[in-house]
Amino acid sequence: MIVGLLAALRDDRAGRPAAAVLLSPHVDLTSSGASRDEQVADDPLFTPAMLRGIAADYLQGADPTDPLASPLFADLHGLPPLLILVGTAELLLGDAQRLAAAAGDAGVDVTLAVGDGLPHAYPLLLGTPEAAAATDRIARFLRARLG
């Protein structure tokens, strides 16, 4: 949803955030990413069927290829700098990798941080060293862009 909002703000010329941080983004509601099948055994939280159900509930019959629903298919040029954090033990790894590649190809300043063996939204696992390191990385990223 955040990437779709960033694209809409860019198109409306209503102003643009200076940067954005994305945790385990779900940016392809068509479920076309190959890594979803490859990551099934590693993801402790989600199954492909669960992600399809989440997408169906969100879409309510709308076209999953609509760039507002699946920002992976959006024109990403002109987006603010992005920091994408994702773990290798989650089905959305491929979404994050594909988004980072597409954003980079569109000229966006993008950083992809992949946490080895970590689950979905791992920076939110408060009290863990991995979350502390991710929080520090996010703070450095935002400080560098916001001043």
N, C-alpha and C. Protein backbone atom coordinates (compact mmCIF):
# COMPACT_ATOMS: atom_id res chain seq x y z
N MET A 1 0.81 -1.20 0.00
CA MET A 1 0.00 0.00 0.00
C MET A 1 0.86 1.26 0.00
N ILE A 2 1.98 1.23 0.69
CA ILE A 2 2.83 2.42 0.78
C ILE A 2 3.39 2.80 -0.59
N VAL A 3 3.82 1.81 -1.36
CA VAL A 3 4.40 2.12 -2.67
C VAL A 3 3.34 2.71 -3.59
N GLY A 4 2.12 2.18 -3.54
CA GLY A 4 1.02 2.75 -4.31
C GLY A 4 0.73 4.18 -3.91
N LEU A 5 0.75 4.45 -2.61
CA LEU A 5 0.55 5.82 -2.12
C LEU A 5 1.66 6.74 -2.60
N LEU A 6 2.90 6.28 -2.54
CA LEU A 6 4.02 7.10 -3.01
C LEU A 6 3.86 7.46 -4.49
N ALA A 7 3.43 6.48 -5.30
CA ALA A 7 3.22 6.74 -6.72
C ALA A 7 2.08 7.73 -6.93
N ALA A 8 1.00 7.60 -6.15
CA ALA A 8 -0.13 8.52 -6.27
C ALA A 8 0.28 9.94 -5.87
N LEU A 9 1.04 10.07 -4.80
CA LEU A 9 1.51 11.40 -4.38
C LEU A 9 2.39 12.02 -5.45
N ARG A 10 3.24 11.20 -6.06
CA ARG A 10 4.10 11.70 -7.13
C ARG A 10 3.24 12.21 -8.28
N ASP A 11 2.23 11.45 -8.66
CA ASP A 11 1.39 11.81 -9.80
C ASP A 11 0.52 13.03 -9.52
N ASP A 12 0.08 13.20 -8.27
CA ASP A 12 -0.75 14.35 -7.90
C ASP A 12 0.07 15.61 -7.68
N ARG A 13 1.38 15.45 -7.65
CA ARG A 13 2.28 16.57 -7.39
C ARG A 13 1.91 17.28 -6.08
N ALA A 14 1.37 16.51 -5.15
CA ALA A 14 0.93 17.07 -3.87
C ALA A 14 2.06 17.14 -2.86
N GLY A 15 3.23 16.87 -3.29
CA GLY A 15 4.35 16.79 -2.37
C GLY A 15 4.80 15.35 -2.29
N ARG A 16 6.00 15.18 -1.86
CA ARG A 16 6.56 13.85 -1.86
C ARG A 16 7.32 13.64 -0.56
N PRO A 17 7.13 12.50 0.07
CA PRO A 17 7.94 12.21 1.25
C PRO A 17 9.42 12.18 0.88
N ALA A 18 10.25 12.50 1.85
CA ALA A 18 11.70 12.54 1.61
C ALA A 18 12.29 11.15 1.51
N ALA A 19 11.61 10.15 2.07
CA ALA A 19 12.11 8.77 2.07
C ALA A 19 10.99 7.86 2.54
N ALA A 20 11.16 6.56 2.32
CA ALA A 20 10.20 5.57 2.81
C ALA A 20 10.93 4.30 3.22
N VAL A 21 10.43 3.69 4.28
CA VAL A 21 10.95 2.43 4.78
C VAL A 21 9.85 1.39 4.62
N LEU A 22 10.17 0.28 3.97
CA LEU A 22 9.20 -0.78 3.72
C LEU A 22 9.65 -2.05 4.43
N LEU A 23 8.77 -2.61 5.24
CA LEU A 23 9.06 -3.87 5.92
C LEU A 23 8.29 -4.98 5.22
N SER A 24 9.00 -5.92 4.64
CA SER A 24 8.39 -7.09 4.01
C SER A 24 7.21 -6.71 3.11
N PRO A 25 7.45 -5.89 2.10
CA PRO A 25 6.32 -5.40 1.30
C PRO A 25 5.66 -6.49 0.46
N HIS A 26 4.34 -6.42 0.43
CA HIS A 26 3.51 -7.32 -0.39
C HIS A 26 3.08 -6.49 -1.59
N VAL A 27 3.84 -6.53 -2.67
CA VAL A 27 3.64 -5.61 -3.79
C VAL A 27 3.17 -6.28 -5.07
N ASP A 28 2.92 -7.59 -5.02
CA ASP A 28 2.43 -8.32 -6.20
C ASP A 28 1.26 -9.19 -5.76
N LEU A 29 0.04 -8.64 -5.87
CA LEU A 29 -1.14 -9.39 -5.43
C LEU A 29 -1.58 -10.43 -6.45
N THR A 30 -0.85 -10.54 -7.57
CA THR A 30 -1.13 -11.63 -8.51
C THR A 30 -0.46 -12.92 -8.06
N SER A 31 0.42 -12.83 -7.07
CA SER A 31 1.19 -13.98 -6.57
C SER A 31 2.02 -14.64 -7.66
N SER A 32 2.58 -13.82 -8.54
CA SER A 32 3.34 -14.38 -9.66
C SER A 32 4.81 -14.63 -9.33
N GLY A 33 5.25 -14.26 -8.16
CA GLY A 33 6.66 -14.44 -7.81
C GLY A 33 7.01 -15.89 -7.56
N ALA A 34 8.08 -16.35 -8.18
CA ALA A 34 8.51 -17.75 -8.04
C ALA A 34 8.94 -18.08 -6.63
N SER A 35 9.48 -17.11 -5.90
CA SER A 35 10.03 -17.42 -4.58
C SER A 35 8.96 -17.85 -3.59
N ARG A 36 7.72 -17.54 -3.85
CA ARG A 36 6.66 -17.95 -2.91
C ARG A 36 6.63 -19.46 -2.76
N ASP A 37 6.74 -20.16 -3.86
CA ASP A 37 6.75 -21.63 -3.78
C ASP A 37 8.06 -22.13 -3.18
N GLU A 38 9.15 -21.44 -3.49
CA GLU A 38 10.46 -21.86 -3.00
C GLU A 38 10.63 -21.60 -1.50
N GLN A 39 9.96 -20.60 -0.97
CA GLN A 39 10.13 -20.21 0.42
C GLN A 39 9.13 -20.87 1.37
N VAL A 40 8.23 -21.69 0.87
CA VAL A 40 7.16 -22.26 1.70
C VAL A 40 7.70 -22.94 2.95
N ALA A 41 8.71 -23.75 2.82
CA ALA A 41 9.23 -24.49 3.97
C ALA A 41 9.90 -23.58 4.99
N ASP A 42 10.35 -22.40 4.56
CA ASP A 42 11.09 -21.50 5.45
C ASP A 42 10.20 -20.52 6.21
N ASP A 43 9.00 -20.25 5.71
CA ASP A 43 8.15 -19.21 6.30
C ASP A 43 7.34 -19.76 7.46
N PRO A 44 7.59 -19.28 8.69
CA PRO A 44 6.85 -19.78 9.85
C PRO A 44 5.48 -19.15 10.02
N LEU A 45 5.16 -18.11 9.24
CA LEU A 45 3.92 -17.36 9.44
C LEU A 45 2.88 -17.57 8.37
N PHE A 46 3.30 -17.58 7.11
CA PHE A 46 2.34 -17.57 6.01
C PHE A 46 2.49 -18.78 5.10
N THR A 47 1.39 -19.12 4.46
CA THR A 47 1.39 -20.09 3.36
C THR A 47 0.97 -19.33 2.11
N PRO A 48 1.25 -19.87 0.93
CA PRO A 48 0.77 -19.20 -0.28
C PRO A 48 -0.74 -18.99 -0.27
N ALA A 49 -1.49 -19.97 0.25
CA ALA A 49 -2.95 -19.83 0.30
C ALA A 49 -3.36 -18.66 1.20
N MET A 50 -2.65 -18.46 2.30
CA MET A 50 -2.96 -17.33 3.18
C MET A 50 -2.72 -16.00 2.46
N LEU A 51 -1.62 -15.90 1.73
CA LEU A 51 -1.34 -14.66 1.00
C LEU A 51 -2.38 -14.42 -0.09
N ARG A 52 -2.81 -15.48 -0.76
CA ARG A 52 -3.87 -15.32 -1.77
C ARG A 52 -5.16 -14.85 -1.10
N GLY A 53 -5.47 -15.38 0.07
CA GLY A 53 -6.66 -14.96 0.80
C GLY A 53 -6.59 -13.50 1.24
N ILE A 54 -5.44 -13.09 1.73
CA ILE A 54 -5.24 -11.69 2.12
C ILE A 54 -5.43 -10.79 0.90
N ALA A 55 -4.86 -11.19 -0.22
CA ALA A 55 -4.99 -10.41 -1.45
C ALA A 55 -6.45 -10.32 -1.89
N ALA A 56 -7.16 -11.44 -1.86
CA ALA A 56 -8.57 -11.45 -2.27
C ALA A 56 -9.41 -10.55 -1.36
N ASP A 57 -9.17 -10.62 -0.06
CA ASP A 57 -9.90 -9.76 0.88
C ASP A 57 -9.62 -8.29 0.62
N TYR A 58 -8.38 -7.97 0.33
CA TYR A 58 -8.00 -6.58 0.07
C TYR A 58 -8.59 -6.10 -1.26
N LEU A 59 -8.51 -6.93 -2.28
CA LEU A 59 -8.94 -6.54 -3.62
C LEU A 59 -10.45 -6.41 -3.76
N GLN A 60 -11.20 -7.25 -3.07
CA GLN A 60 -12.67 -7.24 -3.18
C GLN A 60 -13.13 -7.24 -4.64
N GLY A 61 -12.48 -8.09 -5.46
CA GLY A 61 -12.86 -8.23 -6.85
C GLY A 61 -12.12 -7.31 -7.81
N ALA A 62 -11.34 -6.38 -7.31
CA ALA A 62 -10.58 -5.48 -8.18
C ALA A 62 -9.47 -6.25 -8.89
N ASP A 63 -8.97 -5.67 -9.96
CA ASP A 63 -7.92 -6.29 -10.77
C ASP A 63 -6.60 -6.32 -10.00
N PRO A 64 -6.03 -7.50 -9.76
CA PRO A 64 -4.77 -7.57 -9.01
C PRO A 64 -3.57 -7.00 -9.76
N THR A 65 -3.72 -6.76 -11.06
CA THR A 65 -2.61 -6.15 -11.81
C THR A 65 -2.67 -4.63 -11.80
N ASP A 66 -3.71 -4.05 -11.22
CA ASP A 66 -3.81 -2.60 -11.10
C ASP A 66 -2.61 -2.11 -10.29
N PRO A 67 -1.85 -1.16 -10.80
CA PRO A 67 -0.66 -0.71 -10.08
C PRO A 67 -0.92 -0.17 -8.68
N LEU A 68 -2.13 0.32 -8.41
CA LEU A 68 -2.43 0.77 -7.05
C LEU A 68 -2.57 -0.41 -6.10
N ALA A 69 -2.99 -1.56 -6.62
CA ALA A 69 -3.11 -2.77 -5.80
C ALA A 69 -1.80 -3.53 -5.75
N SER A 70 -1.13 -3.60 -6.87
CA SER A 70 0.15 -4.32 -6.99
C SER A 70 1.20 -3.35 -7.52
N PRO A 71 1.80 -2.56 -6.64
CA PRO A 71 2.73 -1.53 -7.11
C PRO A 71 3.96 -2.04 -7.83
N LEU A 72 4.19 -3.34 -7.80
CA LEU A 72 5.29 -3.88 -8.58
C LEU A 72 5.08 -3.56 -10.06
N PHE A 73 3.82 -3.41 -10.48
CA PHE A 73 3.49 -3.13 -11.87
C PHE A 73 3.34 -1.64 -12.15
N ALA A 74 3.65 -0.80 -11.18
CA ALA A 74 3.52 0.65 -11.34
C ALA A 74 4.77 1.24 -11.99
N ASP A 75 4.62 2.44 -12.49
CA ASP A 75 5.76 3.24 -12.94
C ASP A 75 6.41 3.79 -11.67
N LEU A 76 7.60 3.36 -11.36
CA LEU A 76 8.24 3.70 -10.09
C LEU A 76 9.17 4.91 -10.18
N HIS A 77 9.33 5.48 -11.36
CA HIS A 77 10.25 6.62 -11.49
C HIS A 77 9.78 7.75 -10.57
N GLY A 78 10.72 8.49 -10.05
CA GLY A 78 10.38 9.65 -9.24
C GLY A 78 9.98 9.36 -7.81
N LEU A 79 10.05 8.10 -7.38
CA LEU A 79 9.75 7.80 -5.98
C LEU A 79 10.91 8.27 -5.11
N PRO A 80 10.62 8.52 -3.84
CA PRO A 80 11.70 8.93 -2.94
C PRO A 80 12.62 7.75 -2.64
N PRO A 81 13.75 8.00 -2.01
CA PRO A 81 14.63 6.90 -1.62
C PRO A 81 13.88 5.86 -0.78
N LEU A 82 14.17 4.60 -1.04
CA LEU A 82 13.50 3.49 -0.36
C LEU A 82 14.51 2.63 0.39
N LEU A 83 14.15 2.24 1.59
CA LEU A 83 14.86 1.20 2.33
C LEU A 83 13.88 0.06 2.48
N ILE A 84 14.22 -1.11 1.94
CA ILE A 84 13.35 -2.28 1.99
C ILE A 84 14.03 -3.32 2.87
N LEU A 85 13.34 -3.75 3.93
CA LEU A 85 13.85 -4.80 4.81
C LEU A 85 12.97 -6.03 4.67
N VAL A 86 13.61 -7.18 4.51
CA VAL A 86 12.89 -8.43 4.31
C VAL A 86 13.77 -9.56 4.83
N GLY A 87 13.15 -10.65 5.25
CA GLY A 87 13.91 -11.81 5.71
C GLY A 87 13.95 -12.90 4.66
N THR A 88 14.92 -13.79 4.78
CA THR A 88 14.98 -14.92 3.84
C THR A 88 13.98 -16.01 4.21
N ALA A 89 13.42 -15.96 5.41
CA ALA A 89 12.47 -16.98 5.85
C ALA A 89 11.04 -16.46 5.73
N GLU A 90 10.72 -15.91 4.57
CA GLU A 90 9.35 -15.43 4.35
C GLU A 90 9.00 -15.49 2.87
N LEU A 91 7.70 -15.66 2.63
CA LEU A 91 7.22 -15.79 1.26
C LEU A 91 7.34 -14.49 0.47
N LEU A 92 7.44 -13.37 1.14
CA LEU A 92 7.50 -12.09 0.44
C LEU A 92 8.91 -11.67 0.05
N LEU A 93 9.89 -12.54 0.24
CA LEU A 93 11.26 -12.23 -0.16
C LEU A 93 11.32 -11.85 -1.63
N GLY A 94 10.70 -12.62 -2.49
CA GLY A 94 10.73 -12.33 -3.92
C GLY A 94 10.07 -11.00 -4.27
N ASP A 95 8.96 -10.68 -3.59
CA ASP A 95 8.32 -9.38 -3.83
C ASP A 95 9.31 -8.26 -3.54
N ALA A 96 10.00 -8.35 -2.40
CA ALA A 96 10.95 -7.31 -2.02
C ALA A 96 12.10 -7.21 -3.01
N GLN A 97 12.62 -8.36 -3.43
CA GLN A 97 13.73 -8.36 -4.39
C GLN A 97 13.29 -7.78 -5.74
N ARG A 98 12.12 -8.17 -6.20
CA ARG A 98 11.62 -7.66 -7.48
C ARG A 98 11.33 -6.17 -7.41
N LEU A 99 10.78 -5.71 -6.28
CA LEU A 99 10.52 -4.29 -6.11
C LEU A 99 11.82 -3.50 -6.11
N ALA A 100 12.81 -3.98 -5.38
CA ALA A 100 14.11 -3.29 -5.34
C ALA A 100 14.71 -3.20 -6.74
N ALA A 101 14.64 -4.28 -7.50
CA ALA A 101 15.19 -4.28 -8.86
C ALA A 101 14.43 -3.31 -9.76
N ALA A 102 13.10 -3.34 -9.69
CA ALA A 102 12.29 -2.46 -10.53
C ALA A 102 12.50 -0.99 -10.16
N ALA A 103 12.57 -0.71 -8.86
CA ALA A 103 12.80 0.66 -8.42
C ALA A 103 14.18 1.14 -8.87
N GLY A 104 15.18 0.31 -8.72
CA GLY A 104 16.52 0.67 -9.18
C GLY A 104 16.56 0.92 -10.67
N ASP A 105 15.88 0.07 -11.44
CA ASP A 105 15.81 0.26 -12.89
C ASP A 105 15.12 1.57 -13.26
N ALA A 106 14.21 2.04 -12.38
CA ALA A 106 13.49 3.29 -12.62
C ALA A 106 14.25 4.51 -12.11
N GLY A 107 15.47 4.29 -11.61
CA GLY A 107 16.29 5.39 -11.15
C GLY A 107 16.06 5.80 -9.71
N VAL A 108 15.34 4.98 -8.96
CA VAL A 108 15.08 5.28 -7.55
C VAL A 108 16.30 4.87 -6.73
N ASP A 109 16.64 5.68 -5.74
CA ASP A 109 17.69 5.34 -4.77
C ASP A 109 17.07 4.30 -3.84
N VAL A 110 17.47 3.05 -4.00
CA VAL A 110 16.85 1.97 -3.23
C VAL A 110 17.93 1.13 -2.56
N THR A 111 17.66 0.76 -1.31
CA THR A 111 18.53 -0.13 -0.55
C THR A 111 17.70 -1.32 -0.12
N LEU A 112 18.16 -2.52 -0.45
CA LEU A 112 17.50 -3.75 -0.03
C LEU A 112 18.35 -4.39 1.05
N ALA A 113 17.76 -4.58 2.23
CA ALA A 113 18.45 -5.23 3.35
C ALA A 113 17.76 -6.56 3.61
N VAL A 114 18.47 -7.65 3.37
CA VAL A 114 17.90 -8.99 3.52
C VAL A 114 18.48 -9.63 4.78
N GLY A 115 17.59 -9.97 5.71
CA GLY A 115 18.00 -10.60 6.96
C GLY A 115 18.04 -12.11 6.81
N ASP A 116 19.22 -12.69 6.90
CA ASP A 116 19.39 -14.13 6.70
C ASP A 116 18.67 -14.92 7.79
N GLY A 117 17.76 -15.80 7.36
CA GLY A 117 17.03 -16.67 8.27
C GLY A 117 15.94 -15.98 9.06
N LEU A 118 15.62 -14.74 8.73
CA LEU A 118 14.66 -13.97 9.52
C LEU A 118 13.27 -13.99 8.89
N PRO A 119 12.22 -13.92 9.74
CA PRO A 119 10.84 -14.01 9.26
C PRO A 119 10.27 -12.66 8.84
N HIS A 120 9.03 -12.72 8.42
CA HIS A 120 8.25 -11.56 8.00
C HIS A 120 8.30 -10.44 9.06
N ALA A 121 8.58 -9.23 8.59
CA ALA A 121 8.57 -8.03 9.43
C ALA A 121 9.46 -8.17 10.67
N TYR A 122 10.59 -8.81 10.51
CA TYR A 122 11.48 -9.08 11.65
C TYR A 122 11.90 -7.83 12.42
N PRO A 123 11.96 -6.63 11.81
CA PRO A 123 12.33 -5.47 12.62
C PRO A 123 11.34 -5.17 13.74
N LEU A 124 10.16 -5.76 13.68
CA LEU A 124 9.15 -5.54 14.72
C LEU A 124 9.26 -6.52 15.88
N LEU A 125 10.20 -7.44 15.81
CA LEU A 125 10.39 -8.43 16.88
C LEU A 125 11.21 -7.80 18.00
N LEU A 126 10.57 -6.92 18.74
CA LEU A 126 11.25 -6.13 19.76
C LEU A 126 11.98 -7.01 20.76
N GLY A 127 13.13 -6.53 21.17
CA GLY A 127 13.94 -7.26 22.14
C GLY A 127 14.92 -8.22 21.52
N THR A 128 14.88 -8.38 20.20
CA THR A 128 15.84 -9.27 19.54
C THR A 128 16.99 -8.44 18.98
N PRO A 129 18.19 -9.03 18.92
CA PRO A 129 19.31 -8.28 18.35
C PRO A 129 19.08 -7.90 16.89
N GLU A 130 18.36 -8.74 16.16
CA GLU A 130 18.09 -8.45 14.74
C GLU A 130 17.19 -7.23 14.60
N ALA A 131 16.18 -7.13 15.46
CA ALA A 131 15.30 -5.96 15.42
C ALA A 131 16.06 -4.70 15.82
N ALA A 132 16.92 -4.82 16.82
CA ALA A 132 17.72 -3.66 17.24
C ALA A 132 18.63 -3.19 16.10
N ALA A 133 19.26 -4.13 15.42
CA ALA A 133 20.13 -3.78 14.29
C ALA A 133 19.32 -3.15 13.16
N ALA A 134 18.13 -3.69 12.90
CA ALA A 134 17.28 -3.13 11.84
C ALA A 134 16.82 -1.72 12.20
N THR A 135 16.47 -1.52 13.45
CA THR A 135 16.04 -0.19 13.91
C THR A 135 17.18 0.82 13.74
N ASP A 136 18.38 0.41 14.06
CA ASP A 136 19.54 1.27 13.89
C ASP A 136 19.75 1.60 12.41
N ARG A 137 19.59 0.60 11.57
CA ARG A 137 19.76 0.81 10.12
C ARG A 137 18.70 1.78 9.59
N ILE A 138 17.47 1.59 10.04
CA ILE A 138 16.38 2.49 9.63
C ILE A 138 16.68 3.92 10.07
N ALA A 139 17.12 4.08 11.30
CA ALA A 139 17.43 5.41 11.82
C ALA A 139 18.54 6.07 11.01
N ARG A 140 19.59 5.33 10.69
CA ARG A 140 20.69 5.88 9.88
C ARG A 140 20.19 6.30 8.49
N PHE A 141 19.36 5.44 7.89
CA PHE A 141 18.81 5.73 6.56
C PHE A 141 17.99 7.02 6.60
N LEU A 142 17.10 7.13 7.59
CA LEU A 142 16.24 8.31 7.66
C LEU A 142 17.03 9.57 8.01
N ARG A 143 17.98 9.45 8.93
CA ARG A 143 18.81 10.61 9.27
C ARG A 143 19.56 11.13 8.04
N ALA A 144 20.08 10.21 7.25
CA ALA A 144 20.84 10.61 6.05
C ALA A 144 19.96 11.32 5.03
N ARG A 145 18.68 11.00 5.00
CA ARG A 145 17.80 11.60 4.00
C ARG A 145 16.99 12.78 4.54
N LEU A 146 16.76 12.80 5.83
CA LEU A 146 15.95 13.87 6.41
C LEU A 146 16.78 14.97 7.05
N GLY A 147 18.05 14.65 7.29
CA GLY A 147 18.95 15.64 7.87
C GLY A 147 18.89 15.72 9.38
